[in-house]
Structure formats: structure tokens, C-alpha cells
PDB file of N, CA and C in Angstrom:
ATOM      1  N   ALA A   1      11.418  -2.650  -3.996  1.00  0.00           N
ATOM      2  CA  ALA A   1      10.572  -2.711  -3.175  1.00  0.00           C
ATOM      3  C   ALA A   1       8.929  -3.252  -3.497  1.00  0.00           C
ATOM      4  N   GLY A   2       8.234  -3.765  -2.951  1.00  0.00           N
ATOM      5  CA  GLY A   2       7.024  -4.805  -3.178  1.00  0.00           C
ATOM      6  C   GLY A   2       5.573  -3.700  -3.384  1.00  0.00           C
ATOM      7  N   TYR A   3       5.040  -4.538  -3.346  1.00  0.00           N
ATOM      8  CA  TYR A   3       3.807  -3.804  -3.545  1.00  0.00           C
ATOM      9  C   TYR A   3       2.561  -4.975  -2.983  1.00  0.00           C
ATOM     10  N   THR A   4       1.445  -4.496  -2.198  1.00  0.00           N
ATOM     11  CA  THR A   4       0.500  -5.398  -1.421  1.00  0.00           C
ATOM     12  C   THR A   4      -0.721  -4.727  -2.216  1.00  0.00           C
ATOM     13  N   PRO A   5      -1.836  -5.146  -3.181  1.00  0.00           N
ATOM     14  CA  PRO A   5      -2.999  -4.640  -3.472  1.00  0.00           C
ATOM     15  C   PRO A   5      -3.807  -4.787  -2.922  1.00  0.00           C
ATOM     16  N   LEU A   6      -4.704  -3.179  -2.320  1.00  0.00           N
ATOM     17  CA  LEU A   6      -5.716  -3.375  -1.553  1.00  0.00           C
ATOM     18  C   LEU A   6      -7.212  -3.195  -1.863  1.00  0.00           C
ATOM     19  N   ASP A   7      -8.190  -3.366  -1.524  1.00  0.00           N
ATOM     20  CA  ASP A   7      -9.577  -3.332  -2.498  1.00  0.00           C
ATOM     21  C   ASP A   7     -10.176  -1.988  -1.419  1.00  0.00           C
ATOM     22  N   PRO A   8     -10.496  -1.333  -1.793  1.00  0.00           N
ATOM     23  CA  PRO A   8     -11.195  -0.207  -1.398  1.00  0.00           C
ATOM     24  C   PRO A   8     -12.549  -0.549  -0.211  1.00  0.00           C
ATOM     25  N   GLU A   9     -13.425  -1.754  -0.757  1.00  0.00           N
ATOM     26  CA  GLU A   9     -14.431  -2.049  -0.463  1.00  0.00           C
ATOM     27  C   GLU A   9     -14.028  -2.614   0.928  1.00  0.00           C
ATOM     28  N   TYR A  10     -12.746  -3.094   1.298  1.00  0.00           N
ATOM     29  CA  TYR A  10     -12.838  -3.807   2.494  1.00  0.00           C
ATOM     30  C   TYR A  10     -12.821  -2.756   3.655  1.00  0.00           C
ATOM     31  N   PRO A  11     -13.354  -3.491   5.025  1.00  0.00           N
ATOM     32  CA  PRO A  11     -13.382  -2.573   5.560  1.00  0.00           C
ATOM     33  C   PRO A  11     -12.134  -1.460   6.201  1.00  0.00           C
ATOM     34  N   ALA A  12     -12.394  -0.750   7.183  1.00  0.00           N
ATOM     35  CA  ALA A  12     -11.456   0.837   7.412  1.00  0.00           C
ATOM     36  C   ALA A  12     -10.299  -0.012   8.189  1.00  0.00           C
ATOM     37  N   GLY A  13     -11.032  -0.798   9.314  1.00  0.00           N
ATOM     38  CA  GLY A  13     -10.058  -1.639  10.207  1.00  0.00           C
ATOM     39  C   GLY A  13      -8.827  -2.399   9.520  1.00  0.00           C
ATOM     40  N   ARG A  14      -9.586  -3.287   8.383  1.00  0.00           N
ATOM     41  CA  ARG A  14      -9.009  -4.182   7.929  1.00  0.00           C
ATOM     42  C   ARG A  14      -7.934  -3.743   6.999  1.00  0.00           C
ATOM     43  N   LEU A  15      -8.079  -2.391   6.288  1.00  0.00           N
ATOM     44  CA  LEU A  15      -7.372  -1.772   5.227  1.00  0.00           C
ATOM     45  C   LEU A  15      -5.933  -1.338   6.377  1.00  0.00           C
ATOM     46  N   ALA A  16      -6.384  -0.832   7.556  1.00  0.00           N
ATOM     47  CA  ALA A  16      -5.284  -0.349   8.269  1.00  0.00           C
ATOM     48  C   ALA A  16      -4.550  -1.374   8.857  1.00  0.00           C
ATOM     49  N   PHE A  17      -4.954  -2.647   9.198  1.00  0.00           N
ATOM     50  CA  PHE A  17      -4.078  -4.056   9.230  1.00  0.00           C
ATOM     51  C   PHE A  17      -2.857  -3.928   8.696  1.00  0.00           C
ATOM     52  N   MET A  18      -3.652  -4.111   6.843  1.00  0.00           N
ATOM     53  CA  MET A  18      -2.511  -4.557   6.121  1.00  0.00           C
ATOM     54  C   MET A  18      -1.679  -3.694   6.071  1.00  0.00           C
ATOM     55  N   LEU A  19      -1.959  -2.287   5.882  1.00  0.00           N
ATOM     56  CA  LEU A  19      -1.197  -1.215   5.523  1.00  0.00           C
ATOM     57  C   LEU A  19       0.181  -1.371   6.408  1.00  0.00           C
ATOM     58  N   ALA A  20      -0.237  -1.742   8.113  1.00  0.00           N
ATOM     59  CA  ALA A  20       0.758  -1.690   9.038  1.00  0.00           C
ATOM     60  C   ALA A  20       1.349  -2.851   9.201  1.00  0.00           C
ATOM     61  N   ASP A  21       0.634  -4.206   8.943  1.00  0.00           N
ATOM     62  CA  ASP A  21       1.309  -5.631   9.068  1.00  0.00           C
ATOM     63  C   ASP A  21       2.541  -5.233   7.829  1.00  0.00           C
ATOM     64  N   SER A  22       2.104  -4.719   6.391  1.00  0.00           N
ATOM     65  CA  SER A  22       2.928  -4.737   5.277  1.00  0.00           C
ATOM     66  C   SER A  22       4.339  -3.827   5.847  1.00  0.00           C
ATOM     67  N   GLY A  23       4.012  -3.392   6.080  1.00  0.00           N
ATOM     68  CA  GLY A  23       4.925  -1.760   6.729  1.00  0.00           C
ATOM     69  C   GLY A  23       5.272  -1.170   5.742  1.00  0.00           C
ATOM     70  N   ALA A  24       4.041  -0.823   5.086  1.00  0.00           N
ATOM     71  CA  ALA A  24       3.820   0.106   3.486  1.00  0.00           C
ATOM     72  C   ALA A  24       4.481   1.139   3.955  1.00  0.00           C
ATOM     73  N   GLY A  25       5.012   1.663   3.617  1.00  0.00           N
ATOM     74  CA  GLY A  25       6.016   3.042   3.757  1.00  0.00           C
ATOM     75  C   GLY A  25       5.181   3.948   2.537  1.00  0.00           C
ATOM     76  N   ILE A  26       4.538   3.671   1.513  1.00  0.00           N
ATOM     77  CA  ILE A  26       3.706   4.740   0.953  1.00  0.00           C
ATOM     78  C   ILE A  26       2.634   3.974   0.146  1.00  0.00           C
ATOM     79  N   LEU A  27       1.511   4.814   0.103  1.00  0.00           N
ATOM     80  CA  LEU A  27       0.027   4.413  -0.281  1.00  0.00           C
ATOM     81  C   LEU A  27      -0.314   5.069  -1.380  1.00  0.00           C
ATOM     82  N   LEU A  28       0.202   4.308  -2.678  1.00  0.00           N
ATOM     83  CA  LEU A  28      -0.665   5.073  -4.030  1.00  0.00           C
ATOM     84  C   LEU A  28      -2.132   4.644  -4.106  1.00  0.00           C
ATOM     85  N   THR A  29      -2.853   5.848  -4.325  1.00  0.00           N
ATOM     86  CA  THR A  29      -4.222   5.579  -4.210  1.00  0.00           C
ATOM     87  C   THR A  29      -4.796   7.078  -5.321  1.00  0.00           C
ATOM     88  N   GLN A  30      -6.167   6.967  -5.060  1.00  0.00           N
ATOM     89  CA  GLN A  30      -6.970   8.120  -6.122  1.00  0.00           C
ATOM     90  C   GLN A  30      -7.985   8.640  -5.219  1.00  0.00           C
ATOM     91  N   ALA A  31      -7.942  10.042  -5.532  1.00  0.00           N
ATOM     92  CA  ALA A  31      -8.800  11.065  -4.811  1.00  0.00           C
ATOM     93  C   ALA A  31     -10.295  10.277  -4.777  1.00  0.00           C
ATOM     94  N   GLY A  32     -10.561  10.507  -3.743  1.00  0.00           N
ATOM     95  CA  GLY A  32     -12.124  10.104  -3.252  1.00  0.00           C
ATOM     96  C   GLY A  32     -11.746   8.533  -2.716  1.00  0.00           C
ATOM     97  N   LEU A  33     -10.997   8.120  -2.428  1.00  0.00           N
ATOM     98  CA  LEU A  33     -10.847   6.377  -1.972  1.00  0.00           C
ATOM     99  C   LEU A  33     -10.222   6.883  -0.618  1.00  0.00           C
ATOM    100  N   PRO A  34     -11.068   6.097   0.398  1.00  0.00           N
ATOM    101  CA  PRO A  34     -10.762   6.234   1.652  1.00  0.00           C
ATOM    102  C   PRO A  34      -9.189   6.203   2.058  1.00  0.00           C
ATOM    103  N   VAL A  35      -8.556   6.661   2.830  1.00  0.00           N
ATOM    104  CA  VAL A  35      -7.240   6.651   3.382  1.00  0.00           C
ATOM    105  C   VAL A  35      -7.776   6.201   5.093  1.00  0.00           C
ATOM    106  N   PRO A  36      -7.198   4.385   5.441  1.00  0.00           N
ATOM    107  CA  PRO A  36      -7.755   4.476   7.154  1.00  0.00           C
ATOM    108  C   PRO A  36      -6.650   5.317   7.952  1.00  0.00           C
ATOM    109  N   GLU A  37      -7.765   5.627   8.830  1.00  0.00           N
ATOM    110  CA  GLU A  37      -7.531   6.509   9.724  1.00  0.00           C
ATOM    111  C   GLU A  37      -6.166   5.520  10.756  1.00  0.00           C
ATOM    112  N   GLY A  38      -5.123   6.880  10.762  1.00  0.00           N
ATOM    113  CA  GLY A  38      -4.085   6.448  11.452  1.00  0.00           C
ATOM    114  C   GLY A  38      -2.972   5.851  10.493  1.00  0.00           C
ATOM    115  N   CYS A  39      -2.969   5.999   9.218  1.00  0.00           N
ATOM    116  CA  CYS A  39      -2.411   5.623   7.889  1.00  0.00           C
ATOM    117  C   CYS A  39      -0.957   6.015   8.197  1.00  0.00           C
ATOM    118  N   ALA A  40       0.006   5.128   8.554  1.00  0.00           N
ATOM    119  CA  ALA A  40       1.575   6.094   9.038  1.00  0.00           C
ATOM    120  C   ALA A  40       2.439   6.030   7.571  1.00  0.00           C
ATOM    121  N   ALA A  41       1.637   5.744   6.364  1.00  0.00           N
ATOM    122  CA  ALA A  41       2.252   5.338   5.008  1.00  0.00           C
ATOM    123  C   ALA A  41       2.369   6.844   4.153  1.00  0.00           C
ATOM    124  N   ARG A  42       3.257   7.287   3.992  1.00  0.00           N
ATOM    125  CA  ARG A  42       3.009   8.112   2.948  1.00  0.00           C
ATOM    126  C   ARG A  42       1.908   8.325   1.484  1.00  0.00           C
ATOM    127  N   VAL A  43       0.961   8.862   1.648  1.00  0.00           N
ATOM    128  CA  VAL A  43       0.094   9.476   0.675  1.00  0.00           C
ATOM    129  C   VAL A  43       0.368   9.807  -0.204  1.00  0.00           C
ATOM    130  N   LEU A  44       0.187   8.993  -1.743  1.00  0.00           N
ATOM    131  CA  LEU A  44       0.535   9.645  -3.665  1.00  0.00           C
ATOM    132  C   LEU A  44      -0.699   9.374  -3.857  1.00  0.00           C
ATOM    133  N   LEU A  45      -1.209  10.666  -4.348  1.00  0.00           N
ATOM    134  CA  LEU A  45      -2.642  10.343  -5.118  1.00  0.00           C
ATOM    135  C   LEU A  45      -1.754  10.612  -6.710  1.00  0.00           C
ATOM    136  N   ILE A  46      -2.570   9.405  -7.449  1.00  0.00           N
ATOM    137  CA  ILE A  46      -2.089   9.386  -8.708  1.00  0.00           C
ATOM    138  C   ILE A  46      -2.659  10.502 -10.056  1.00  0.00           C
ATOM    139  N   ASP A  47      -3.882  10.651  -9.329  1.00  0.00           N
ATOM    140  CA  ASP A  47      -4.699  11.748 -10.063  1.00  0.00           C
ATOM    141  C   ASP A  47      -4.089  13.237  -9.980  1.00  0.00           C
ATOM    142  N   GLU A  48      -3.111  13.328  -9.274  1.00  0.00           N
ATOM    143  CA  GLU A  48      -2.390  14.757  -8.845  1.00  0.00           C
ATOM    144  C   GLU A  48      -1.215  15.139  -9.285  1.00  0.00           C
ATOM    145  N   ALA A  49      -0.865  14.094 -10.100  1.00  0.00           N
ATOM    146  CA  ALA A  49       0.739  13.810 -10.384  1.00  0.00           C
ATOM    147  C   ALA A  49       0.450  14.746 -12.438  1.00  0.00           C
ATOM    148  N   GLY A  50       1.410  15.824 -12.445  1.00  0.00           N
ATOM    149  CA  GLY A  50       1.484  15.670 -13.637  1.00  0.00           C
ATOM    150  C   GLY A  50       1.981  14.679 -14.669  1.00  0.00           C
ATOM    151  N   ALA A  51       2.161  15.022 -16.304  1.00  0.00           N
ATOM    152  CA  ALA A  51       2.937  13.721 -17.009  1.00  0.00           C
ATOM    153  C   ALA A  51       4.536  14.151 -16.776  1.00  0.00           C
ATOM    154  N   GLU A  52       4.824  15.416 -16.357  1.00  0.00           N
ATOM    155  CA  GLU A  52       6.599  15.481 -16.395  1.00  0.00           C
ATOM    156  C   GLU A  52       6.822  15.629 -14.762  1.00  0.00           C
ATOM    157  N   GLU A  53       6.094  15.188 -13.844  1.00  0.00           N
ATOM    158  CA  GLU A  53       6.674  15.300 -12.432  1.00  0.00           C
ATOM    159  C   GLU A  53       6.374  13.432 -11.894  1.00  0.00           C
ATOM    160  N   PRO A  54       7.584  13.016 -11.256  1.00  0.00           N
ATOM    161  CA  PRO A  54       7.345  12.234 -10.905  1.00  0.00           C
ATOM    162  C   PRO A  54       6.547  12.318  -9.825  1.00  0.00           C
ATOM    163  N   LEU A  55       6.218  10.783  -9.245  1.00  0.00           N
ATOM    164  CA  LEU A  55       5.265  10.893  -7.972  1.00  0.00           C
ATOM    165  C   LEU A  55       6.106  10.654  -6.781  1.00  0.00           C
ATOM    166  N   TYR A  56       7.307  10.333  -6.846  1.00  0.00           N
ATOM    167  CA  TYR A  56       8.232   9.827  -5.971  1.00  0.00           C
ATOM    168  C   TYR A  56       9.635  10.045  -6.260  1.00  0.00           C
ATOM    169  N   GLU A  57      10.299  11.034  -5.664  1.00  0.00           N
ATOM    170  CA  GLU A  57      11.910  10.727  -6.145  1.00  0.00           C
ATOM    171  C   GLU A  57      12.794  10.429  -5.000  1.00  0.00           C
ATOM    172  N   GLY A  58      12.416   9.231  -4.565  1.00  0.00           N
ATOM    173  CA  GLY A  58      13.209   8.560  -3.388  1.00  0.00           C
ATOM    174  C   GLY A  58      13.949   7.574  -3.884  1.00  0.00           C
ATOM    175  N   GLY A  59      15.449   7.440  -3.331  1.00  0.00           N
ATOM    176  CA  GLY A  59      16.201   6.575  -3.748  1.00  0.00           C
ATOM    177  C   GLY A  59      16.023   4.848  -4.062  1.00  0.00           C
ATOM    178  N   LEU A  60      16.173   4.614  -5.462  1.00  0.00           N
ATOM    179  CA  LEU A  60      15.661   2.882  -5.644  1.00  0.00           C
ATOM    180  C   LEU A  60      16.752   2.390  -5.837  1.00  0.00           C
ATOM    181  N   THR A  61      17.097   1.407  -5.000  1.00  0.00           N
ATOM    182  CA  THR A  61      17.775   0.441  -5.573  1.00  0.00           C
ATOM    183  C   THR A  61      17.316  -0.702  -6.495  1.00  0.00           C
ATOM    184  N   ALA A  62      18.592  -1.717  -6.618  1.00  0.00           N
ATOM    185  CA  ALA A  62      18.149  -2.644  -7.880  1.00  0.00           C
ATOM    186  C   ALA A  62      17.583  -3.650  -7.082  1.00  0.00           C
ATOM    187  N   PRO A  63      16.359  -4.492  -7.700  1.00  0.00           N
ATOM    188  CA  PRO A  63      16.045  -5.624  -7.065  1.00  0.00           C
ATOM    189  C   PRO A  63      17.004  -6.998  -6.742  1.00  0.00           C
ATOM    190  N   ASP A  64      17.024  -7.400  -5.715  1.00  0.00           N
ATOM    191  CA  ASP A  64      17.618  -8.478  -5.371  1.00  0.00           C
ATOM    192  C   ASP A  64      16.639  -9.690  -5.265  1.00  0.00           C
ATOM    193  N   ALA A  65      17.430 -11.229  -5.740  1.00  0.00           N
ATOM    194  CA  ALA A  65      16.907 -12.394  -5.966  1.00  0.00           C
ATOM    195  C   ALA A  65      15.437 -12.411  -4.317  1.00  0.00           C
ATOM    196  N   ASP A  66      16.212 -11.992  -3.190  1.00  0.00           N
ATOM    197  CA  ASP A  66      15.441 -11.985  -2.067  1.00  0.00           C
ATOM    198  C   ASP A  66      14.446 -11.279  -1.707  1.00  0.00           C
ATOM    199  N   ASP A  67      14.448 -10.182  -2.467  1.00  0.00           N
ATOM    200  CA  ASP A  67      13.404  -8.971  -1.992  1.00  0.00           C
ATOM    201  C   ASP A  67      11.990  -9.423  -1.931  1.00  0.00           C
ATOM    202  N   ILE A  68      11.224  -9.211  -1.528  1.00  0.00           N
ATOM    203  CA  ILE A  68       9.554  -9.280  -1.865  1.00  0.00           C
ATOM    204  C   ILE A  68       9.146  -8.679  -2.924  1.00  0.00           C
ATOM    205  N   ALA A  69       8.225  -8.872  -3.819  1.00  0.00           N
ATOM    206  CA  ALA A  69       7.951  -8.720  -4.851  1.00  0.00           C
ATOM    207  C   ALA A  69       6.454  -8.082  -4.639  1.00  0.00           C
ATOM    208  N   TYR A  70       5.439  -8.907  -3.909  1.00  0.00           N
ATOM    209  CA  TYR A  70       4.553  -8.485  -3.213  1.00  0.00           C
ATOM    210  C   TYR A  70       3.560  -9.346  -2.591  1.00  0.00           C
ATOM    211  N   THR A  71       2.851  -8.888  -1.565  1.00  0.00           N
ATOM    212  CA  THR A  71       2.214  -9.647  -0.777  1.00  0.00           C
ATOM    213  C   THR A  71       0.763  -9.351  -1.074  1.00  0.00           C
ATOM    214  N   ILE A  72      -0.100 -10.621  -0.887  1.00  0.00           N
ATOM    215  CA  ILE A  72      -1.372 -10.775  -1.009  1.00  0.00           C
ATOM    216  C   ILE A  72      -1.818 -11.346   0.326  1.00  0.00           C
ATOM    217  N   TYR A  73      -2.845 -10.712   0.870  1.00  0.00           N
ATOM    218  CA  TYR A  73      -3.087 -11.431   2.112  1.00  0.00           C
ATOM    219  C   TYR A  73      -4.764 -11.907   1.819  1.00  0.00           C
ATOM    220  N   THR A  74      -5.122 -13.015   2.688  1.00  0.00           N
ATOM    221  CA  THR A  74      -5.694 -13.654   2.755  1.00  0.00           C
ATOM    222  C   THR A  74      -6.847 -13.575   4.018  1.00  0.00           C
ATOM    223  N   SER A  75      -8.150 -13.892   3.848  1.00  0.00           N
ATOM    224  CA  SER A  75      -8.885 -13.760   4.993  1.00  0.00           C
ATOM    225  C   SER A  75      -8.117 -14.658   6.261  1.00  0.00           C
ATOM    226  N   GLY A  76      -7.691 -15.436   6.380  1.00  0.00           N
ATOM    227  CA  GLY A  76      -7.144 -16.105   7.386  1.00  0.00           C
ATOM    228  C   GLY A  76      -8.523 -17.119   7.938  1.00  0.00           C
ATOM    229  N   SER A  77      -8.236 -18.029   8.649  1.00  0.00           N
ATOM    230  CA  SER A  77      -9.113 -18.868   9.351  1.00  0.00           C
ATOM    231  C   SER A  77      -9.779 -18.344  10.515  1.00  0.00           C
ATOM    232  N   THR A  78      -9.145 -17.237  11.219  1.00  0.00           N
ATOM    233  CA  THR A  78      -9.179 -16.319  12.036  1.00  0.00           C
ATOM    234  C   THR A  78      -9.925 -15.359  12.075  1.00  0.00           C
ATOM    235  N   GLY A  79     -10.236 -15.020  10.650  1.00  0.00           N
ATOM    236  CA  GLY A  79     -10.816 -13.478  10.153  1.00  0.00           C
ATOM    237  C   GLY A  79      -9.927 -12.309  10.533  1.00  0.00           C
ATOM    238  N   ARG A  80      -8.669 -12.861  10.854  1.00  0.00           N
ATOM    239  CA  ARG A  80      -7.686 -11.626  10.809  1.00  0.00           C
ATOM    240  C   ARG A  80      -6.587 -11.668   9.213  1.00  0.00           C
ATOM    241  N   PRO A  81      -6.927 -10.798   8.495  1.00  0.00           N
ATOM    242  CA  PRO A  81      -6.024 -11.013   7.262  1.00  0.00           C
ATOM    243  C   PRO A  81      -4.626 -11.669   7.328  1.00  0.00           C
ATOM    244  N   LYS A  82      -4.407 -12.483   6.501  1.00  0.00           N
ATOM    245  CA  LYS A  82      -2.912 -13.067   6.810  1.00  0.00           C
ATOM    246  C   LYS A  82      -2.312 -12.999   5.225  1.00  0.00           C
ATOM    247  N   GLY A  83      -0.981 -12.218   5.224  1.00  0.00           N
ATOM    248  CA  GLY A  83      -0.479 -11.804   4.172  1.00  0.00           C
ATOM    249  C   GLY A  83       0.881 -12.651   4.174  1.00  0.00           C
TER     250      GLY A  83
END
């Protein structure tokens, strides 16, 4: 599984694009931060999980050398984020 850091100060449309474009299945966030409208990712709030309970109980696989570790989006020359 890879990750894509998102800045909550970005416009909602840019965040929504980055989530959709990256194919994010989970959005790990904090209460009080906006979740972009139409976000298809499962939203997990880190401040609601107890120390004893896992945030995610899905099956995890060992990483492969060809797996993506992270995606960073730049502003792009067209103004559309590129990742």
C-alpha cells in the first residue's frame, strides 16, 4: 500500500481530484478536517481509534519491489495536479 500526503489547505476540488486520481481506498484523517465531497475512499479518523483497537483490519500483503511507496502531486504547468 502506498500513501499520498494531502494538505488540508488545498481547495476541495484539488483534494477530490488527487484522491480520485491516486485511486485511494482509504483516507486517514483527523476529526475537524474537511473530507472532499464525493470522496469514494473509506474515511478513518485517527483520533477516534482506541489504543487497543486497530484502525484497519483488512488483509495486508508484503510489499513487492514494483509496488508504489508514495505519490506526491505537483501543481503541474496546466494548474492541474500531476502525481
